[in-house]
């Protein structure tokens, strides 16, 4: 499971050891207060339904039909900087889906040209919005498979065959297209089918960095990560700790919908 560099960027080879050395060099930007991410209610339907569409409907052609695919999109909103005792906060107000992304059951590769086009277009006509992050999905056939693989977590060089993964892609995207953003939020929406309607109450996971939800015959995990721009050069690294994720209306909606 995980993000991959698009075809036009395959020549950009990332050495994992050099990335770790770079991370240690800029450790001072990682040891800040824990970043907070707030996903407003307006953005949640797009996050979840795009993941469900890729999972349950998938991609159809005249010859075949594929389901349980990954999906990718951008998060839009604004950033509140760190002020005194208050940590920096990313506010996500809406989301867009990358329909041009090359998606399979195990990976998704967004087109950087599409990302640039949408960024230029939206910031011109909706100047109150800016890209504040990304989201993508991890589809799994069953609840048991998710738990066995901890499928709600980001893929890393240690968990992928080609030594890439989410934690390599995210800083690369940050520094290539959004180097002026001090922080970027990265959400993973993991989906698994259930045999019957789930009734479990929503549960925090990963120390408050995510949620586990039962939505009908589906189990959903939403987990957050963040990348941060370094202070002295045009590059980015993953933050040392996962953010605190806040989705104010989601818990209430999950309970209300399941018991309606």
Protein backbone atom coordinates (compact mmCIF):
# COMPACT_ATOMS: atom_id res chain seq x y z
CA UNK A 1 0.00 0.00 0.00
CA UNK A 2 1.32 3.44 -0.71
CA UNK A 3 2.00 6.44 -2.88
CA UNK A 4 4.37 6.32 -5.82
CA UNK A 5 6.09 9.00 -7.88
CA UNK A 6 4.29 9.70 -11.14
CA UNK A 7 5.82 8.41 -14.37
CA UNK A 8 7.38 11.74 -15.35
CA UNK A 9 9.21 11.84 -12.01
CA UNK A 10 10.55 8.27 -12.04
CA UNK A 11 14.02 9.63 -12.77
CA UNK A 12 13.97 11.37 -9.40
CA UNK A 13 15.61 8.66 -7.30
CA UNK A 14 15.41 9.08 -3.55
CA UNK A 15 18.13 7.46 -1.46
CA UNK A 16 16.72 6.40 1.88
CA UNK A 17 19.98 6.82 3.81
CA UNK A 18 20.49 10.35 2.53
CA UNK A 19 16.89 11.13 3.49
CA UNK A 20 17.56 9.94 7.04
CA UNK A 21 20.75 12.03 7.23
CA UNK A 22 18.79 15.04 6.00
CA UNK A 23 16.12 14.41 8.64
CA UNK A 24 18.68 14.31 11.43
CA UNK A 25 20.35 17.48 10.13
CA UNK A 26 17.05 19.35 10.45
CA UNK A 27 15.86 17.72 13.65
CA UNK A 28 15.25 21.13 15.21
CA UNK A 29 12.21 21.68 12.97
CA UNK A 30 10.78 18.34 14.08
CA UNK A 31 10.90 18.91 17.82
CA UNK A 32 8.23 21.60 17.80
CA UNK A 33 4.89 21.44 19.59
CA UNK A 34 2.65 18.69 18.30
CA UNK A 35 0.86 19.90 15.18
CA UNK A 36 -2.94 19.84 15.24
CA UNK A 37 -5.11 19.07 12.21
CA UNK A 38 -8.80 19.99 12.17
CA UNK A 39 -10.96 18.54 9.40
CA UNK A 40 -14.18 20.51 9.13
CA UNK A 41 -17.41 18.67 8.46
CA UNK A 42 -17.73 20.00 4.88
CA UNK A 43 -14.57 18.14 3.82
CA UNK A 44 -15.38 14.74 5.36
CA UNK A 45 -17.93 13.46 2.79
CA UNK A 46 -15.44 13.96 -0.06
CA UNK A 47 -12.69 12.12 1.82
CA UNK A 48 -14.81 9.11 2.68
CA UNK A 49 -16.96 8.80 -0.44
CA UNK A 50 -13.98 9.01 -2.81
CA UNK A 51 -12.30 6.19 -0.87
CA UNK A 52 -15.52 4.17 -0.92
CA UNK A 53 -16.04 4.76 -4.65
CA UNK A 54 -12.55 3.50 -5.44
CA UNK A 55 -13.11 0.54 -3.13
CA UNK A 56 -16.65 -0.55 -4.04
CA UNK A 57 -17.22 0.83 -7.56
CA UNK A 58 -13.66 1.07 -8.79
CA UNK A 59 -12.82 1.42 -12.46
CA UNK A 60 -14.89 -0.05 -15.30
CA UNK A 61 -14.01 -0.49 -18.97
CA UNK A 62 -15.67 -2.43 -21.77
CA UNK A 63 -13.36 -5.36 -21.00
CA UNK A 64 -13.01 -5.53 -17.25
CA UNK A 65 -13.96 -4.11 -13.90
CA UNK A 66 -11.57 -3.46 -11.01
CA UNK A 67 -12.52 -2.71 -7.43
CA UNK A 68 -10.66 -2.13 -4.15
CA UNK A 69 -8.46 0.54 -5.74
CA UNK A 70 -6.61 3.39 -4.04
CA UNK A 71 -7.52 7.04 -4.57
CA UNK A 72 -5.71 10.36 -4.08
CA UNK A 73 -6.71 13.97 -3.53
CA UNK A 74 -5.72 17.37 -2.18
CA UNK A 75 -6.78 19.02 1.07
CA UNK A 76 -7.61 22.74 1.02
CA UNK A 77 -7.97 25.28 3.78
CA UNK A 78 -5.63 27.46 5.80
CA UNK A 79 -2.89 27.30 8.44
CA UNK A 80 -2.87 28.97 11.85
CA UNK A 81 0.76 29.46 12.95
CA UNK A 82 2.11 28.57 16.37
CA UNK A 83 1.31 31.31 18.91
CA UNK A 84 2.70 31.18 22.43
CA UNK A 85 1.49 27.95 24.08
CA UNK A 86 -0.86 27.19 21.20
CA UNK A 87 0.54 24.76 18.61
CA UNK A 88 0.28 25.34 14.88
CA UNK A 89 -2.97 24.09 13.38
CA UNK A 90 -3.97 23.07 9.86
CA UNK A 91 -7.66 23.67 9.11
CA UNK A 92 -9.06 21.54 6.28
CA UNK A 93 -12.24 23.05 4.82
CA UNK A 94 -12.63 21.11 1.56
CA UNK A 95 -11.02 18.43 -0.61
CA UNK A 96 -10.63 17.61 -4.32
CA UNK A 97 -10.05 14.21 -5.92
CA UNK A 98 -7.39 13.43 -8.54
CA UNK A 99 -9.33 11.51 -11.20
CA UNK A 100 -6.19 11.39 -13.39
CA UNK A 101 -4.15 9.54 -10.74
CA UNK A 102 -2.91 6.10 -11.76
CA UNK A 103 -4.49 3.81 -9.17
CA UNK A 104 -4.08 0.13 -8.41
CA UNK A 105 -5.00 -2.05 -5.44
CA UNK A 106 -1.59 -1.40 -3.86
CA UNK A 107 -0.55 2.10 -4.93
CA UNK A 108 -1.62 5.42 -6.42
CA UNK A 109 0.46 7.87 -8.48
CA UNK A 110 -0.95 11.41 -8.85
CA UNK A 111 -0.10 13.47 -11.92
CA UNK A 112 2.02 16.44 -10.86
CA UNK A 113 0.70 18.48 -13.81
CA UNK A 114 -2.85 18.03 -12.55
CA UNK A 115 -1.85 19.05 -9.03
CA UNK A 116 -0.19 22.22 -10.35
CA UNK A 117 -3.17 23.07 -12.57
CA UNK A 118 -5.67 22.74 -9.75
CA UNK A 119 -3.48 24.74 -7.39
CA UNK A 120 -3.15 27.62 -9.86
CA UNK A 121 -6.86 27.57 -10.75
CA UNK A 122 -8.31 27.37 -7.24
CA UNK A 123 -5.96 29.92 -5.66
CA UNK A 124 -6.80 32.37 -8.46
CA UNK A 125 -10.58 32.15 -8.14
CA UNK A 126 -10.83 31.10 -4.47
CA UNK A 127 -7.94 33.10 -2.98
CA UNK A 128 -9.01 32.28 0.58
CA UNK A 129 -8.00 28.64 -0.02
CA UNK A 130 -4.59 27.07 -0.29
CA UNK A 131 -3.33 23.51 -0.49
CA UNK A 132 -2.75 22.32 3.07
CA UNK A 133 -2.24 18.61 2.46
CA UNK A 134 -3.13 15.37 0.72
CA UNK A 135 -5.25 12.32 1.30
CA UNK A 136 -5.22 8.84 -0.18
CA UNK A 137 -6.80 5.51 0.61
CA UNK A 138 -5.62 2.05 1.63
CA UNK A 139 -8.13 -0.62 0.50
CA UNK A 140 -8.19 -4.03 2.19
CA UNK A 141 -10.36 -7.07 1.53
CA UNK A 142 -11.14 -7.77 5.18
CA UNK A 143 -10.88 -6.51 8.73
CA UNK A 144 -8.43 -9.31 9.53
CA UNK A 145 -6.10 -8.20 6.73
CA UNK A 146 -6.09 -4.61 7.96
CA UNK A 147 -5.24 -5.62 11.52
CA UNK A 148 -2.56 -8.08 10.41
CA UNK A 149 -0.80 -5.40 8.31
CA UNK A 150 -1.71 -2.37 10.47
CA UNK A 151 -3.17 -1.02 7.26
CA UNK A 152 -4.14 2.32 8.77
CA UNK A 153 -0.45 3.24 9.05
CA UNK A 154 1.70 4.94 6.39
CA UNK A 155 3.86 2.77 4.16
CA UNK A 156 7.62 3.21 4.64
CA UNK A 157 10.81 2.05 2.87
CA UNK A 158 10.88 -0.89 5.28
CA UNK A 159 7.38 -2.04 4.32
CA UNK A 160 7.58 -1.64 0.52
CA UNK A 161 9.44 -3.80 -1.98
CA UNK A 162 10.97 -0.87 -3.90
CA UNK A 163 12.07 1.11 -0.84
CA UNK A 164 9.60 3.95 -1.41
CA UNK A 165 6.29 4.48 0.38
CA UNK A 166 4.12 7.26 1.80
CA UNK A 167 6.80 8.69 4.08
CA UNK A 168 9.15 9.16 1.10
CA UNK A 169 6.54 10.51 -1.30
CA UNK A 170 5.01 13.12 1.03
CA UNK A 171 8.17 15.21 1.63
CA UNK A 172 9.06 14.90 -2.07
CA UNK A 173 5.68 16.32 -3.09
CA UNK A 174 5.96 19.03 -0.43
CA UNK A 175 9.33 20.27 -1.64
CA UNK A 176 8.57 19.93 -5.37
CA UNK A 177 5.20 21.68 -5.56
CA UNK A 178 4.43 23.28 -2.20
CA UNK A 179 7.79 24.41 -0.83
CA UNK A 180 6.27 27.66 0.47
CA UNK A 181 3.92 25.75 2.80
CA UNK A 182 5.39 25.54 6.31
CA UNK A 183 3.43 22.35 7.01
CA UNK A 184 1.34 19.85 5.06
CA UNK A 185 -1.21 17.41 6.47
CA UNK A 186 -1.41 13.91 5.01
CA UNK A 187 -4.46 11.76 5.72
CA UNK A 188 -4.88 8.05 5.04
CA UNK A 189 -8.41 6.68 4.68
CA UNK A 190 -8.29 2.90 5.12
CA UNK A 191 -11.32 0.87 4.03
CA UNK A 192 -12.34 -2.73 4.71
CA UNK A 193 -15.62 -4.54 4.11
CA UNK A 194 -17.53 -6.09 7.02
CA UNK A 195 -19.75 -9.16 6.85
CA UNK A 196 -22.53 -7.35 8.71
CA UNK A 197 -23.32 -3.87 9.96
CA UNK A 198 -20.77 -2.67 12.50
CA UNK A 199 -22.01 -1.13 15.74
CA UNK A 200 -18.73 -0.37 17.52
CA UNK A 201 -18.41 3.14 18.91
CA UNK A 202 -15.84 5.42 17.22
CA UNK A 203 -12.39 4.94 18.70
CA UNK A 204 -9.23 7.05 18.75
CA UNK A 205 -6.08 5.35 17.40
CA UNK A 206 -2.37 6.13 17.14
CA UNK A 207 -2.35 8.32 20.23
CA UNK A 208 -5.03 10.68 18.97
CA UNK A 209 -3.67 10.87 15.41
CA UNK A 210 -6.62 9.01 13.94
CA UNK A 211 -10.04 7.44 14.31
CA UNK A 212 -11.55 4.00 13.74
CA UNK A 213 -15.17 4.09 12.60
CA UNK A 214 -17.87 1.55 11.76
CA UNK A 215 -20.07 2.88 8.95
CA UNK A 216 -22.64 0.28 7.94
CA UNK A 217 -20.93 -2.74 6.42
CA UNK A 218 -17.63 -0.89 6.27
CA UNK A 219 -14.82 -0.24 8.70
CA UNK A 220 -13.00 3.06 8.16
CA UNK A 221 -9.74 4.27 9.67
CA UNK A 222 -8.58 7.87 9.19
CA UNK A 223 -4.99 8.48 10.21
CA UNK A 224 -2.95 11.69 10.04
CA UNK A 225 0.69 12.49 9.33
CA UNK A 226 2.52 15.74 8.50
CA UNK A 227 5.55 17.02 6.61
CA UNK A 228 7.36 20.25 7.45
CA UNK A 229 9.53 22.58 5.37
CA UNK A 230 13.10 22.96 6.59
CA UNK A 231 14.34 26.37 7.64
CA UNK A 232 17.46 26.87 5.54
CA UNK A 233 16.79 25.23 2.17
CA UNK A 234 13.97 24.34 -0.19
CA UNK A 235 13.25 20.87 1.16
CA UNK A 236 10.86 19.09 3.47
CA UNK A 237 10.95 16.20 5.95
CA UNK A 238 8.40 14.16 7.86
CA UNK A 239 7.57 15.47 11.31
CA UNK A 240 9.02 13.56 14.23
CA UNK A 241 5.62 12.77 15.72
CA UNK A 242 2.18 12.31 14.27
CA UNK A 243 -0.25 15.22 14.57
CA UNK A 244 -3.32 15.40 16.75
CA UNK A 245 -6.35 14.84 14.49
CA UNK A 246 -9.62 16.59 15.24
CA UNK A 247 -12.80 15.77 13.27
CA UNK A 248 -15.45 17.46 15.43
CA UNK A 249 -18.60 16.16 13.73
CA UNK A 250 -17.48 12.71 12.59
CA UNK A 251 -17.95 10.84 15.85
CA UNK A 252 -21.45 12.22 16.25
CA UNK A 253 -22.39 11.41 12.65
CA UNK A 254 -21.07 7.84 12.91
CA UNK A 255 -23.12 7.18 16.04
CA UNK A 256 -26.21 8.91 14.70
CA UNK A 257 -26.05 7.13 11.33
CA UNK A 258 -25.46 3.66 12.77
CA UNK A 259 -28.28 3.91 15.30
CA UNK A 260 -30.78 5.73 13.08
